[in-house]
Amino acid sequence: VQLVESGGGLVQPGGSLRLSCAGSGFTFSRYVMSWYRQAPGKERELVASISGGLGESDTDYLDSVKGRFTVSRDNDVKRAYLQMSKLQPTDTAVYYCNAKWMSNNYWGQGTQVTVSS
């Protein structure tokens, strides 16, 4: 099982980034895919999630990112995405991809997002 994040980097306040998470070794479409973040000295927090299974996906967001971040998935290519816009310095953190289904819970290695002028 692997989850590999990409797309992090340094961006100015107000800018945008798109994170990508590539999954392999498991039935991707079944899993709830989530993005978490952890800033220095803070606990890891859930940023956004998108449901798995058949039918239209449900999404959920941390209040502070609603209207700025969009989570999506493409089951055909086994990827989840986090489109981030209007980024703020408080969004600076390591962002982790998570896949969860039943008792299975997988994590990526994380990608650094730094918002600074």
PDB file of N, CA and C in Angstrom:
ATOM      1  N   VAL A   1       0.849  -1.194   0.000  1.00  0.00           N
ATOM      2  CA  VAL A   1       0.000   0.000   0.000  1.00  0.00           C
ATOM      3  C   VAL A   1       0.884   1.243   0.000  1.00  0.00           C
ATOM      4  N   GLN A   2       0.540   2.167  -0.870  1.00  0.00           N
ATOM      5  CA  GLN A   2       1.282   3.433  -0.914  1.00  0.00           C
ATOM      6  C   GLN A   2       0.341   4.592  -1.163  1.00  0.00           C
ATOM      7  N   LEU A   3       0.613   5.691  -0.472  1.00  0.00           N
ATOM      8  CA  LEU A   3       0.003   6.975  -0.749  1.00  0.00           C
ATOM      9  C   LEU A   3       1.147   7.956  -0.947  1.00  0.00           C
ATOM     10  N   VAL A   4       1.175   8.609  -2.079  1.00  0.00           N
ATOM     11  CA  VAL A   4       2.269   9.526  -2.378  1.00  0.00           C
ATOM     12  C   VAL A   4       1.697  10.893  -2.708  1.00  0.00           C
ATOM     13  N   GLU A   5       2.018  11.874  -1.863  1.00  0.00           N
ATOM     14  CA  GLU A   5       1.556  13.243  -2.087  1.00  0.00           C
ATOM     15  C   GLU A   5       2.553  14.004  -2.944  1.00  0.00           C
ATOM     16  N   SER A   6       2.049  14.962  -3.664  1.00  0.00           N
ATOM     17  CA  SER A   6       2.890  15.877  -4.431  1.00  0.00           C
ATOM     18  C   SER A   6       2.158  17.202  -4.576  1.00  0.00           C
ATOM     19  N   GLY A   7       2.914  18.216  -4.998  1.00  0.00           N
ATOM     20  CA  GLY A   7       2.297  19.507  -5.280  1.00  0.00           C
ATOM     21  C   GLY A   7       2.532  20.578  -4.237  1.00  0.00           C
ATOM     22  N   GLY A   8       3.180  20.241  -3.146  1.00  0.00           N
ATOM     23  CA  GLY A   8       3.458  21.258  -2.143  1.00  0.00           C
ATOM     24  C   GLY A   8       4.534  22.215  -2.597  1.00  0.00           C
ATOM     25  N   GLY A   9       4.758  23.252  -1.803  1.00  0.00           N
ATOM     26  CA  GLY A   9       5.790  24.216  -2.134  1.00  0.00           C
ATOM     27  C   GLY A   9       5.594  25.528  -1.421  1.00  0.00           C
ATOM     28  N   LEU A  10       6.322  26.529  -1.892  1.00  0.00           N
ATOM     29  CA  LEU A  10       6.253  27.876  -1.337  1.00  0.00           C
ATOM     30  C   LEU A  10       5.349  28.730  -2.211  1.00  0.00           C
ATOM     31  N   VAL A  11       4.424  29.423  -1.584  1.00  0.00           N
ATOM     32  CA  VAL A  11       3.492  30.265  -2.333  1.00  0.00           C
ATOM     33  C   VAL A  11       3.250  31.543  -1.542  1.00  0.00           C
ATOM     34  N   GLN A  12       2.993  32.628  -2.238  1.00  0.00           N
ATOM     35  CA  GLN A  12       2.712  33.894  -1.572  1.00  0.00           C
ATOM     36  C   GLN A  12       1.280  33.922  -1.046  1.00  0.00           C
ATOM     37  N   PRO A  13       1.030  34.718  -0.019  1.00  0.00           N
ATOM     38  CA  PRO A  13      -0.356  34.861   0.456  1.00  0.00           C
ATOM     39  C   PRO A  13      -1.289  35.257  -0.676  1.00  0.00           C
ATOM     40  N   GLY A  14      -2.451  34.614  -0.699  1.00  0.00           N
ATOM     41  CA  GLY A  14      -3.406  34.844  -1.768  1.00  0.00           C
ATOM     42  C   GLY A  14      -3.245  33.931  -2.949  1.00  0.00           C
ATOM     43  N   GLY A  15      -2.170  33.167  -2.966  1.00  0.00           N
ATOM     44  CA  GLY A  15      -1.894  32.271  -4.081  1.00  0.00           C
ATOM     45  C   GLY A  15      -2.627  30.947  -3.980  1.00  0.00           C
ATOM     46  N   SER A  16      -2.326  30.077  -4.936  1.00  0.00           N
ATOM     47  CA  SER A  16      -2.993  28.774  -5.026  1.00  0.00           C
ATOM     48  C   SER A  16      -1.987  27.658  -5.201  1.00  0.00           C
ATOM     49  N   LEU A  17      -2.398  26.486  -4.739  1.00  0.00           N
ATOM     50  CA  LEU A  17      -1.642  25.259  -4.956  1.00  0.00           C
ATOM     51  C   LEU A  17      -2.626  24.118  -5.136  1.00  0.00           C
ATOM     52  N   ARG A  18      -2.193  23.100  -5.860  1.00  0.00           N
ATOM     53  CA  ARG A  18      -2.998  21.886  -5.991  1.00  0.00           C
ATOM     54  C   ARG A  18      -2.179  20.701  -5.530  1.00  0.00           C
ATOM     55  N   LEU A  19      -2.638  20.054  -4.468  1.00  0.00           N
ATOM     56  CA  LEU A  19      -1.986  18.848  -3.975  1.00  0.00           C
ATOM     57  C   LEU A  19      -2.607  17.633  -4.635  1.00  0.00           C
ATOM     58  N   SER A  20      -1.781  16.638  -4.857  1.00  0.00           N
ATOM     59  CA  SER A  20      -2.231  15.387  -5.448  1.00  0.00           C
ATOM     60  C   SER A  20      -1.780  14.226  -4.572  1.00  0.00           C
ATOM     61  N   CYS A  21      -2.613  13.213  -4.493  1.00  0.00           N
ATOM     62  CA  CYS A  21      -2.296  12.016  -3.716  1.00  0.00           C
ATOM     63  C   CYS A  21      -2.548  10.799  -4.599  1.00  0.00           C
ATOM     64  N   ALA A  22      -1.494  10.061  -4.879  1.00  0.00           N
ATOM     65  CA  ALA A  22      -1.603   8.863  -5.702  1.00  0.00           C
ATOM     66  C   ALA A  22      -1.649   7.631  -4.813  1.00  0.00           C
ATOM     67  N   GLY A  23      -2.682   6.824  -4.979  1.00  0.00           N
ATOM     68  CA  GLY A  23      -2.829   5.629  -4.177  1.00  0.00           C
ATOM     69  C   GLY A  23      -2.540   4.371  -4.978  1.00  0.00           C
ATOM     70  N   SER A  24      -1.992   3.368  -4.315  1.00  0.00           N
ATOM     71  CA  SER A  24      -1.741   2.086  -4.954  1.00  0.00           C
ATOM     72  C   SER A  24      -1.749   0.980  -3.905  1.00  0.00           C
ATOM     73  N   GLY A  25      -2.063  -0.216  -4.361  1.00  0.00           N
ATOM     74  CA  GLY A  25      -2.026  -1.364  -3.461  1.00  0.00           C
ATOM     75  C   GLY A  25      -3.298  -1.610  -2.686  1.00  0.00           C
ATOM     76  N   PHE A  26      -4.354  -0.863  -2.978  1.00  0.00           N
ATOM     77  CA  PHE A  26      -5.633  -1.067  -2.312  1.00  0.00           C
ATOM     78  C   PHE A  26      -6.742  -0.634  -3.266  1.00  0.00           C
ATOM     79  N   THR A  27      -7.980  -1.004  -2.922  1.00  0.00           N
ATOM     80  CA  THR A  27      -9.127  -0.681  -3.781  1.00  0.00           C
ATOM     81  C   THR A  27      -9.520   0.766  -3.540  1.00  0.00           C
ATOM     82  N   PHE A  28      -8.893   1.641  -4.276  1.00  0.00           N
ATOM     83  CA  PHE A  28      -8.963   3.083  -4.035  1.00  0.00           C
ATOM     84  C   PHE A  28     -10.398   3.591  -3.941  1.00  0.00           C
ATOM     85  N   SER A  29     -11.254   3.146  -4.829  1.00  0.00           N
ATOM     86  CA  SER A  29     -12.600   3.709  -4.925  1.00  0.00           C
ATOM     87  C   SER A  29     -13.431   3.487  -3.662  1.00  0.00           C
ATOM     88  N   ARG A  30     -13.115   2.484  -2.879  1.00  0.00           N
ATOM     89  CA  ARG A  30     -13.885   2.190  -1.669  1.00  0.00           C
ATOM     90  C   ARG A  30     -13.602   3.159  -0.536  1.00  0.00           C
ATOM     91  N   TYR A  31     -12.428   3.724  -0.561  1.00  0.00           N
ATOM     92  CA  TYR A  31     -11.898   4.430   0.593  1.00  0.00           C
ATOM     93  C   TYR A  31     -12.346   5.883   0.679  1.00  0.00           C
ATOM     94  N   VAL A  32     -12.600   6.317   1.913  1.00  0.00           N
ATOM     95  CA  VAL A  32     -12.719   7.744   2.180  1.00  0.00           C
ATOM     96  C   VAL A  32     -11.313   8.325   2.067  1.00  0.00           C
ATOM     97  N   MET A  33     -11.180   9.362   1.263  1.00  0.00           N
ATOM     98  CA  MET A  33      -9.884  10.029   1.099  1.00  0.00           C
ATOM     99  C   MET A  33      -9.934  11.368   1.811  1.00  0.00           C
ATOM    100  N   SER A  34      -8.931  11.600   2.623  1.00  0.00           N
ATOM    101  CA  SER A  34      -8.905  12.827   3.419  1.00  0.00           C
ATOM    102  C   SER A  34      -7.549  13.499   3.329  1.00  0.00           C
ATOM    103  N   TRP A  35      -7.575  14.783   3.591  1.00  0.00           N
ATOM    104  CA  TRP A  35      -6.353  15.576   3.720  1.00  0.00           C
ATOM    105  C   TRP A  35      -6.298  16.121   5.143  1.00  0.00           C
ATOM    106  N   TYR A  36      -5.163  15.896   5.781  1.00  0.00           N
ATOM    107  CA  TYR A  36      -4.878  16.438   7.097  1.00  0.00           C
ATOM    108  C   TYR A  36      -3.686  17.381   6.966  1.00  0.00           C
ATOM    109  N   ARG A  37      -3.507  18.196   7.981  1.00  0.00           N
ATOM    110  CA  ARG A  37      -2.308  19.031   8.020  1.00  0.00           C
ATOM    111  C   ARG A  37      -1.809  19.152   9.452  1.00  0.00           C
ATOM    112  N   GLN A  38      -0.523  19.388   9.557  1.00  0.00           N
ATOM    113  CA  GLN A  38       0.090  19.573  10.875  1.00  0.00           C
ATOM    114  C   GLN A  38       1.101  20.696  10.788  1.00  0.00           C
ATOM    115  N   ALA A  39       0.834  21.740  11.527  1.00  0.00           N
ATOM    116  CA  ALA A  39       1.748  22.872  11.614  1.00  0.00           C
ATOM    117  C   ALA A  39       2.702  22.641  12.782  1.00  0.00           C
ATOM    118  N   PRO A  40       3.869  23.290  12.770  1.00  0.00           N
ATOM    119  CA  PRO A  40       4.839  23.100  13.853  1.00  0.00           C
ATOM    120  C   PRO A  40       4.228  23.419  15.211  1.00  0.00           C
ATOM    121  N   GLY A  41       4.392  22.498  16.148  1.00  0.00           N
ATOM    122  CA  GLY A  41       3.892  22.715  17.491  1.00  0.00           C
ATOM    123  C   GLY A  41       2.398  22.523  17.670  1.00  0.00           C
ATOM    124  N   LYS A  42       1.731  22.078  16.613  1.00  0.00           N
ATOM    125  CA  LYS A  42       0.280  21.895  16.683  1.00  0.00           C
ATOM    126  C   LYS A  42      -0.087  20.450  16.367  1.00  0.00           C
ATOM    127  N   GLU A  43      -1.309  20.094  16.763  1.00  0.00           N
ATOM    128  CA  GLU A  43      -1.788  18.754  16.467  1.00  0.00           C
ATOM    129  C   GLU A  43      -2.230  18.649  15.004  1.00  0.00           C
ATOM    130  N   ARG A  44      -2.205  17.435  14.520  1.00  0.00           N
ATOM    131  CA  ARG A  44      -2.683  17.193  13.167  1.00  0.00           C
ATOM    132  C   ARG A  44      -4.194  17.412  13.127  1.00  0.00           C
ATOM    133  N   GLU A  45      -4.663  18.097  12.078  1.00  0.00           N
ATOM    134  CA  GLU A  45      -6.092  18.373  11.968  1.00  0.00           C
ATOM    135  C   GLU A  45      -6.617  17.963  10.602  1.00  0.00           C
ATOM    136  N   LEU A  46      -7.884  17.571  10.601  1.00  0.00           N
ATOM    137  CA  LEU A  46      -8.550  17.186   9.366  1.00  0.00           C
ATOM    138  C   LEU A  46      -8.943  18.428   8.580  1.00  0.00           C
ATOM    139  N   VAL A  47      -8.502  18.496   7.347  1.00  0.00           N
ATOM    140  CA  VAL A  47      -8.769  19.656   6.497  1.00  0.00           C
ATOM    141  C   VAL A  47      -9.972  19.422   5.590  1.00  0.00           C
ATOM    142  N   ALA A  48      -9.993  18.267   4.928  1.00  0.00           N
ATOM    143  CA  ALA A  48     -11.071  17.974   3.988  1.00  0.00           C
ATOM    144  C   ALA A  48     -11.145  16.476   3.760  1.00  0.00           C
ATOM    145  N   SER A  49     -12.342  16.009   3.441  1.00  0.00           N
ATOM    146  CA  SER A  49     -12.507  14.598   3.131  1.00  0.00           C
ATOM    147  C   SER A  49     -13.546  14.417   2.044  1.00  0.00           C
ATOM    148  N   ILE A  50     -13.440  13.304   1.340  1.00  0.00           N
ATOM    149  CA  ILE A  50     -14.382  12.977   0.276  1.00  0.00           C
ATOM    150  C   ILE A  50     -14.711  11.492   0.392  1.00  0.00           C
ATOM    151  N   SER A  51     -15.976  11.181   0.331  1.00  0.00           N
ATOM    152  CA  SER A  51     -16.413   9.801   0.559  1.00  0.00           C
ATOM    153  C   SER A  51     -16.048   8.902  -0.605  1.00  0.00           C
ATOM    154  N   GLY A  52     -16.055   7.607  -0.342  1.00  0.00           N
ATOM    155  CA  GLY A  52     -15.803   6.609  -1.370  1.00  0.00           C
ATOM    156  C   GLY A  52     -17.063   5.855  -1.714  1.00  0.00           C
ATOM    157  N   GLY A  53     -16.922   4.780  -2.466  1.00  0.00           N
ATOM    158  CA  GLY A  53     -18.058   3.955  -2.837  1.00  0.00           C
ATOM    159  C   GLY A  53     -18.752   4.453  -4.084  1.00  0.00           C
ATOM    160  N   LEU A  54     -19.939   3.882  -4.325  1.00  0.00           N
ATOM    161  CA  LEU A  54     -20.683   4.208  -5.533  1.00  0.00           C
ATOM    162  C   LEU A  54     -21.446   5.512  -5.361  1.00  0.00           C
ATOM    163  N   GLY A  55     -21.816   6.081  -6.478  1.00  0.00           N
ATOM    164  CA  GLY A  55     -22.637   7.283  -6.437  1.00  0.00           C
ATOM    165  C   GLY A  55     -21.821   8.549  -6.221  1.00  0.00           C
ATOM    166  N   GLU A  56     -22.546   9.616  -6.071  1.00  0.00           N
ATOM    167  CA  GLU A  56     -21.901  10.924  -5.909  1.00  0.00           C
ATOM    168  C   GLU A  56     -21.172  11.005  -4.573  1.00  0.00           C
ATOM    169  N   SER A  57     -20.005  11.622  -4.590  1.00  0.00           N
ATOM    170  CA  SER A  57     -19.195  11.721  -3.386  1.00  0.00           C
ATOM    171  C   SER A  57     -19.652  12.871  -2.505  1.00  0.00           C
ATOM    172  N   ASP A  58     -19.605  12.646  -1.217  1.00  0.00           N
ATOM    173  CA  ASP A  58     -19.858  13.704  -0.245  1.00  0.00           C
ATOM    174  C   ASP A  58     -18.534  14.283   0.204  1.00  0.00           C
ATOM    175  N   THR A  59     -18.521  15.573   0.475  1.00  0.00           N
ATOM    176  CA  THR A  59     -17.309  16.232   0.924  1.00  0.00           C
ATOM    177  C   THR A  59     -17.562  16.953   2.244  1.00  0.00           C
ATOM    178  N   ASP A  60     -16.482  17.170   2.963  1.00  0.00           N
ATOM    179  CA  ASP A  60     -16.565  17.862   4.244  1.00  0.00           C
ATOM    180  C   ASP A  60     -15.281  18.655   4.425  1.00  0.00           C
ATOM    181  N   TYR A  61     -15.397  19.821   5.086  1.00  0.00           N
ATOM    182  CA  TYR A  61     -14.256  20.721   5.201  1.00  0.00           C
ATOM    183  C   TYR A  61     -14.121  21.297   6.602  1.00  0.00           C
ATOM    184  N   LEU A  62     -12.878  21.556   6.971  1.00  0.00           N
ATOM    185  CA  LEU A  62     -12.587  22.366   8.144  1.00  0.00           C
ATOM    186  C   LEU A  62     -13.182  23.757   7.915  1.00  0.00           C
ATOM    187  N   ASP A  63     -13.764  24.318   8.952  1.00  0.00           N
ATOM    188  CA  ASP A  63     -14.440  25.613   8.778  1.00  0.00           C
ATOM    189  C   ASP A  63     -13.528  26.676   8.179  1.00  0.00           C
ATOM    190  N   SER A  64     -12.286  26.697   8.601  1.00  0.00           N
ATOM    191  CA  SER A  64     -11.386  27.773   8.187  1.00  0.00           C
ATOM    192  C   SER A  64     -10.963  27.673   6.714  1.00  0.00           C
ATOM    193  N   VAL A  65     -11.256  26.563   6.056  1.00  0.00           N
ATOM    194  CA  VAL A  65     -10.879  26.425   4.643  1.00  0.00           C
ATOM    195  C   VAL A  65     -12.097  26.394   3.724  1.00  0.00           C
ATOM    196  N   LYS A  66     -13.280  26.406   4.282  1.00  0.00           N
ATOM    197  CA  LYS A  66     -14.491  26.387   3.458  1.00  0.00           C
ATOM    198  C   LYS A  66     -14.513  27.588   2.517  1.00  0.00           C
ATOM    199  N   GLY A  67     -14.813  27.312   1.252  1.00  0.00           N
ATOM    200  CA  GLY A  67     -14.842  28.367   0.259  1.00  0.00           C
ATOM    201  C   GLY A  67     -13.483  28.655  -0.363  1.00  0.00           C
ATOM    202  N   ARG A  68     -12.422  28.082   0.212  1.00  0.00           N
ATOM    203  CA  ARG A  68     -11.072  28.296  -0.335  1.00  0.00           C
ATOM    204  C   ARG A  68     -10.453  27.006  -0.867  1.00  0.00           C
ATOM    205  N   PHE A  69     -10.770  25.894  -0.228  1.00  0.00           N
ATOM    206  CA  PHE A  69     -10.206  24.594  -0.613  1.00  0.00           C
ATOM    207  C   PHE A  69     -11.293  23.721  -1.221  1.00  0.00           C
ATOM    208  N   THR A  70     -10.896  22.891  -2.178  1.00  0.00           N
ATOM    209  CA  THR A  70     -11.818  21.934  -2.784  1.00  0.00           C
ATOM    210  C   THR A  70     -11.142  20.572  -2.870  1.00  0.00           C
ATOM    211  N   VAL A  71     -11.789  19.563  -2.309  1.00  0.00           N
ATOM    212  CA  VAL A  71     -11.281  18.197  -2.379  1.00  0.00           C
ATOM    213  C   VAL A  71     -12.012  17.462  -3.499  1.00  0.00           C
ATOM    214  N   SER A  72     -11.272  16.631  -4.218  1.00  0.00           N
ATOM    215  CA  SER A  72     -11.871  15.860  -5.306  1.00  0.00           C
ATOM    216  C   SER A  72     -11.108  14.543  -5.461  1.00  0.00           C
ATOM    217  N   ARG A  73     -11.649  13.681  -6.282  1.00  0.00           N
ATOM    218  CA  ARG A  73     -10.994  12.397  -6.517  1.00  0.00           C
ATOM    219  C   ARG A  73     -11.260  11.928  -7.937  1.00  0.00           C
ATOM    220  N   ASP A  74     -10.338  11.119  -8.465  1.00  0.00           N
ATOM    221  CA  ASP A  74     -10.507  10.486  -9.752  1.00  0.00           C
ATOM    222  C   ASP A  74     -10.183   9.010  -9.542  1.00  0.00           C
ATOM    223  N   ASN A  75     -11.218   8.207  -9.415  1.00  0.00           N
ATOM    224  CA  ASN A  75     -11.009   6.791  -9.108  1.00  0.00           C
ATOM    225  C   ASN A  75     -10.353   6.043 -10.268  1.00  0.00           C
ATOM    226  N   ASP A  76     -10.540   6.531 -11.479  1.00  0.00           N
ATOM    227  CA  ASP A  76      -9.938   5.860 -12.636  1.00  0.00           C
ATOM    228  C   ASP A  76      -8.420   5.883 -12.567  1.00  0.00           C
ATOM    229  N   VAL A  77      -7.862   6.964 -12.048  1.00  0.00           N
ATOM    230  CA  VAL A  77      -6.400   7.066 -11.947  1.00  0.00           C
ATOM    231  C   VAL A  77      -5.928   6.940 -10.504  1.00  0.00           C
ATOM    232  N   LYS A  78      -6.850   6.651  -9.601  1.00  0.00           N
ATOM    233  CA  LYS A  78      -6.526   6.419  -8.196  1.00  0.00           C
ATOM    234  C   LYS A  78      -5.804   7.610  -7.565  1.00  0.00           C
ATOM    235  N   ARG A  79      -6.405   8.769  -7.754  1.00  0.00           N
ATOM    236  CA  ARG A  79      -5.820   9.982  -7.185  1.00  0.00           C
ATOM    237  C   ARG A  79      -6.879  10.808  -6.458  1.00  0.00           C
ATOM    238  N   ALA A  80      -6.423  11.454  -5.412  1.00  0.00           N
ATOM    239  CA  ALA A  80      -7.224  12.452  -4.728  1.00  0.00           C
ATOM    240  C   ALA A  80      -6.487  13.778  -4.826  1.00  0.00           C
ATOM    241  N   TYR A  81      -7.268  14.859  -4.784  1.00  0.00           N
ATOM    242  CA  TYR A  81      -6.693  16.184  -4.984  1.00  0.00           C
ATOM    243  C   TYR A  81      -7.204  17.134  -3.911  1.00  0.00           C
ATOM    244  N   LEU A  82      -6.373  18.135  -3.642  1.00  0.00           N
ATOM    245  CA  LEU A  82      -6.810  19.241  -2.788  1.00  0.00           C
ATOM    246  C   LEU A  82      -6.401  20.530  -3.494  1.00  0.00           C
ATOM    247  N   GLN A  83      -7.393  21.205  -4.045  1.00  0.00           N
ATOM    248  CA  GLN A  83      -7.160  22.496  -4.672  1.00  0.00           C
ATOM    249  C   GLN A  83      -7.274  23.565  -3.595  1.00  0.00           C
ATOM    250  N   MET A  84      -6.205  24.319  -3.405  1.00  0.00           N
ATOM    251  CA  MET A  84      -6.159  25.331  -2.355  1.00  0.00           C
ATOM    252  C   MET A  84      -6.000  26.704  -2.997  1.00  0.00           C
ATOM    253  N   SER A  85      -6.867  27.606  -2.647  1.00  0.00           N
ATOM    254  CA  SER A  85      -6.780  28.969  -3.169  1.00  0.00           C
ATOM    255  C   SER A  85      -6.872  29.958  -2.016  1.00  0.00           C
ATOM    256  N   LYS A  86      -6.568  31.208  -2.315  1.00  0.00           N
ATOM    257  CA  LYS A  86      -6.565  32.276  -1.299  1.00  0.00           C
ATOM    258  C   LYS A  86      -5.778  31.824  -0.066  1.00  0.00           C
ATOM    259  N   LEU A  87      -4.632  31.261  -0.309  1.00  0.00           N
ATOM    260  CA  LEU A  87      -3.831  30.722   0.783  1.00  0.00           C
ATOM    261  C   LEU A  87      -3.359  31.825   1.718  1.00  0.00           C
ATOM    262  N   GLN A  88      -3.299  31.463   3.002  1.00  0.00           N
ATOM    263  CA  GLN A  88      -2.908  32.383   4.061  1.00  0.00           C
ATOM    264  C   GLN A  88      -1.716  31.799   4.803  1.00  0.00           C
ATOM    265  N   PRO A  89      -0.942  32.632   5.467  1.00  0.00           N
ATOM    266  CA  PRO A  89       0.197  32.107   6.242  1.00  0.00           C
ATOM    267  C   PRO A  89      -0.231  31.037   7.253  1.00  0.00           C
ATOM    268  N   THR A  90      -1.442  31.146   7.759  1.00  0.00           N
ATOM    269  CA  THR A  90      -1.925  30.150   8.724  1.00  0.00           C
ATOM    270  C   THR A  90      -2.186  28.791   8.084  1.00  0.00           C
ATOM    271  N   ASP A  91      -2.140  28.713   6.766  1.00  0.00           N
ATOM    272  CA  ASP A  91      -2.277  27.424   6.074  1.00  0.00           C
ATOM    273  C   ASP A  91      -0.948  26.680   5.981  1.00  0.00           C
ATOM    274  N   THR A  92       0.124  27.322   6.412  1.00  0.00           N
ATOM    275  CA  THR A  92       1.436  26.690   6.383  1.00  0.00           C
ATOM    276  C   THR A  92       1.454  25.453   7.266  1.00  0.00           C
ATOM    277  N   ALA A  93       1.836  24.321   6.681  1.00  0.00           N
ATOM    278  CA  ALA A  93       1.835  23.055   7.401  1.00  0.00           C
ATOM    279  C   ALA A  93       2.359  21.954   6.490  1.00  0.00           C
ATOM    280  N   VAL A  94       2.589  20.798   7.068  1.00  0.00           N
ATOM    281  CA  VAL A  94       2.782  19.589   6.274  1.00  0.00           C
ATOM    282  C   VAL A  94       1.396  18.987   6.043  1.00  0.00           C
ATOM    283  N   TYR A  95       1.095  18.730   4.797  1.00  0.00           N
ATOM    284  CA  TYR A  95      -0.212  18.183   4.423  1.00  0.00           C
ATOM    285  C   TYR A  95      -0.063  16.685   4.135  1.00  0.00           C
ATOM    286  N   TYR A  96      -0.957  15.909   4.750  1.00  0.00           N
ATOM    287  CA  TYR A  96      -0.915  14.455   4.637  1.00  0.00           C
ATOM    288  C   TYR A  96      -2.183  13.943   3.970  1.00  0.00           C
ATOM    289  N   CYS A  97      -2.006  12.985   3.116  1.00  0.00           N
ATOM    290  CA  CYS A  97      -3.118  12.266   2.507  1.00  0.00           C
ATOM    291  C   CYS A  97      -3.438  11.041   3.369  1.00  0.00           C
ATOM    292  N   ASN A  98      -4.727  10.763   3.516  1.00  0.00           N
ATOM    293  CA  ASN A  98      -5.164   9.616   4.309  1.00  0.00           C
ATOM    294  C   ASN A  98      -6.239   8.848   3.553  1.00  0.00           C
ATOM    295  N   ALA A  99      -6.150   7.526   3.617  1.00  0.00           N
ATOM    296  CA  ALA A  99      -7.166   6.651   3.033  1.00  0.00           C
ATOM    297  C   ALA A  99      -7.717   5.751   4.127  1.00  0.00           C
ATOM    298  N   LYS A 100      -9.045   5.729   4.258  1.00  0.00           N
ATOM    299  CA  LYS A 100      -9.650   4.957   5.338  1.00  0.00           C
ATOM    300  C   LYS A 100     -10.873   4.197   4.846  1.00  0.00           C
ATOM    301  N   TRP A 101     -10.939   2.910   5.221  1.00  0.00           N
ATOM    302  CA  TRP A 101     -12.097   2.063   4.927  1.00  0.00           C
ATOM    303  C   TRP A 101     -12.115   0.916   5.912  1.00  0.00           C
ATOM    304  N   MET A 102     -13.208   0.740   6.599  1.00  0.00           N
ATOM    305  CA  MET A 102     -13.325  -0.284   7.642  1.00  0.00           C
ATOM    306  C   MET A 102     -12.173  -0.081   8.637  1.00  0.00           C
ATOM    307  N   SER A 103     -11.390  -1.099   8.886  1.00  0.00           N
ATOM    308  CA  SER A 103     -10.294  -0.993   9.849  1.00  0.00           C
ATOM    309  C   SER A 103      -8.976  -0.587   9.186  1.00  0.00           C
ATOM    310  N   ASN A 104      -9.013  -0.363   7.888  1.00  0.00           N
ATOM    311  CA  ASN A 104      -7.803   0.013   7.149  1.00  0.00           C
ATOM    312  C   ASN A 104      -7.630   1.520   7.169  1.00  0.00           C
ATOM    313  N   ASN A 105      -6.440   1.935   7.510  1.00  0.00           N
ATOM    314  CA  ASN A 105      -6.155   3.368   7.655  1.00  0.00           C
ATOM    315  C   ASN A 105      -4.720   3.610   7.195  1.00  0.00           C
ATOM    316  N   TYR A 106      -4.558   4.301   6.066  1.00  0.00           N
ATOM    317  CA  TYR A 106      -3.241   4.484   5.464  1.00  0.00           C
ATOM    318  C   TYR A 106      -2.897   5.965   5.378  1.00  0.00           C
ATOM    319  N   TRP A 107      -1.583   6.238   5.486  1.00  0.00           N
ATOM    320  CA  TRP A 107      -1.088   7.625   5.447  1.00  0.00           C
ATOM    321  C   TRP A 107       0.013   7.775   4.411  1.00  0.00           C
ATOM    322  N   GLY A 108       0.056   8.941   3.825  1.00  0.00           N
ATOM    323  CA  GLY A 108       1.180   9.305   2.988  1.00  0.00           C
ATOM    324  C   GLY A 108       2.287   9.907   3.835  1.00  0.00           C
ATOM    325  N   GLN A 109       3.363  10.271   3.148  1.00  0.00           N
ATOM    326  CA  GLN A 109       4.539  10.789   3.861  1.00  0.00           C
ATOM    327  C   GLN A 109       4.449  12.290   4.129  1.00  0.00           C
ATOM    328  N   GLY A 110       3.531  12.956   3.476  1.00  0.00           N
ATOM    329  CA  GLY A 110       3.334  14.383   3.687  1.00  0.00           C
ATOM    330  C   GLY A 110       4.057  15.236   2.665  1.00  0.00           C
ATOM    331  N   THR A 111       3.501  16.411   2.437  1.00  0.00           N
ATOM    332  CA  THR A 111       4.129  17.397   1.564  1.00  0.00           C
ATOM    333  C   THR A 111       4.030  18.765   2.220  1.00  0.00           C
ATOM    334  N   GLN A 112       5.120  19.502   2.180  1.00  0.00           N
ATOM    335  CA  GLN A 112       5.182  20.799   2.877  1.00  0.00           C
ATOM    336  C   GLN A 112       4.523  21.884   2.032  1.00  0.00           C
ATOM    337  N   VAL A 113       3.662  22.643   2.677  1.00  0.00           N
ATOM    338  CA  VAL A 113       3.076  23.847   2.078  1.00  0.00           C
ATOM    339  C   VAL A 113       3.485  25.027   2.948  1.00  0.00           C
ATOM    340  N   THR A 114       4.131  25.994   2.335  1.00  0.00           N
ATOM    341  CA  THR A 114       4.562  27.199   3.050  1.00  0.00           C
ATOM    342  C   THR A 114       3.988  28.414   2.355  1.00  0.00           C
ATOM    343  N   VAL A 115       3.246  29.206   3.120  1.00  0.00           N
ATOM    344  CA  VAL A 115       2.635  30.420   2.586  1.00  0.00           C
ATOM    345  C   VAL A 115       3.349  31.604   3.225  1.00  0.00           C
ATOM    346  N   SER A 116       4.103  32.308   2.406  1.00  0.00           N
ATOM    347  CA  SER A 116       4.919  33.400   2.932  1.00  0.00           C
ATOM    348  C   SER A 116       5.268  34.368   1.811  1.00  0.00           C
ATOM    349  N   SER A 117       5.400  35.630   2.179  1.00  0.00           N
ATOM    350  CA  SER A 117       5.853  36.634   1.213  1.00  0.00           C
ATOM    351  C   SER A 117       7.359  36.801   1.295  1.00  0.00           C
TER     352      SER A 117
END
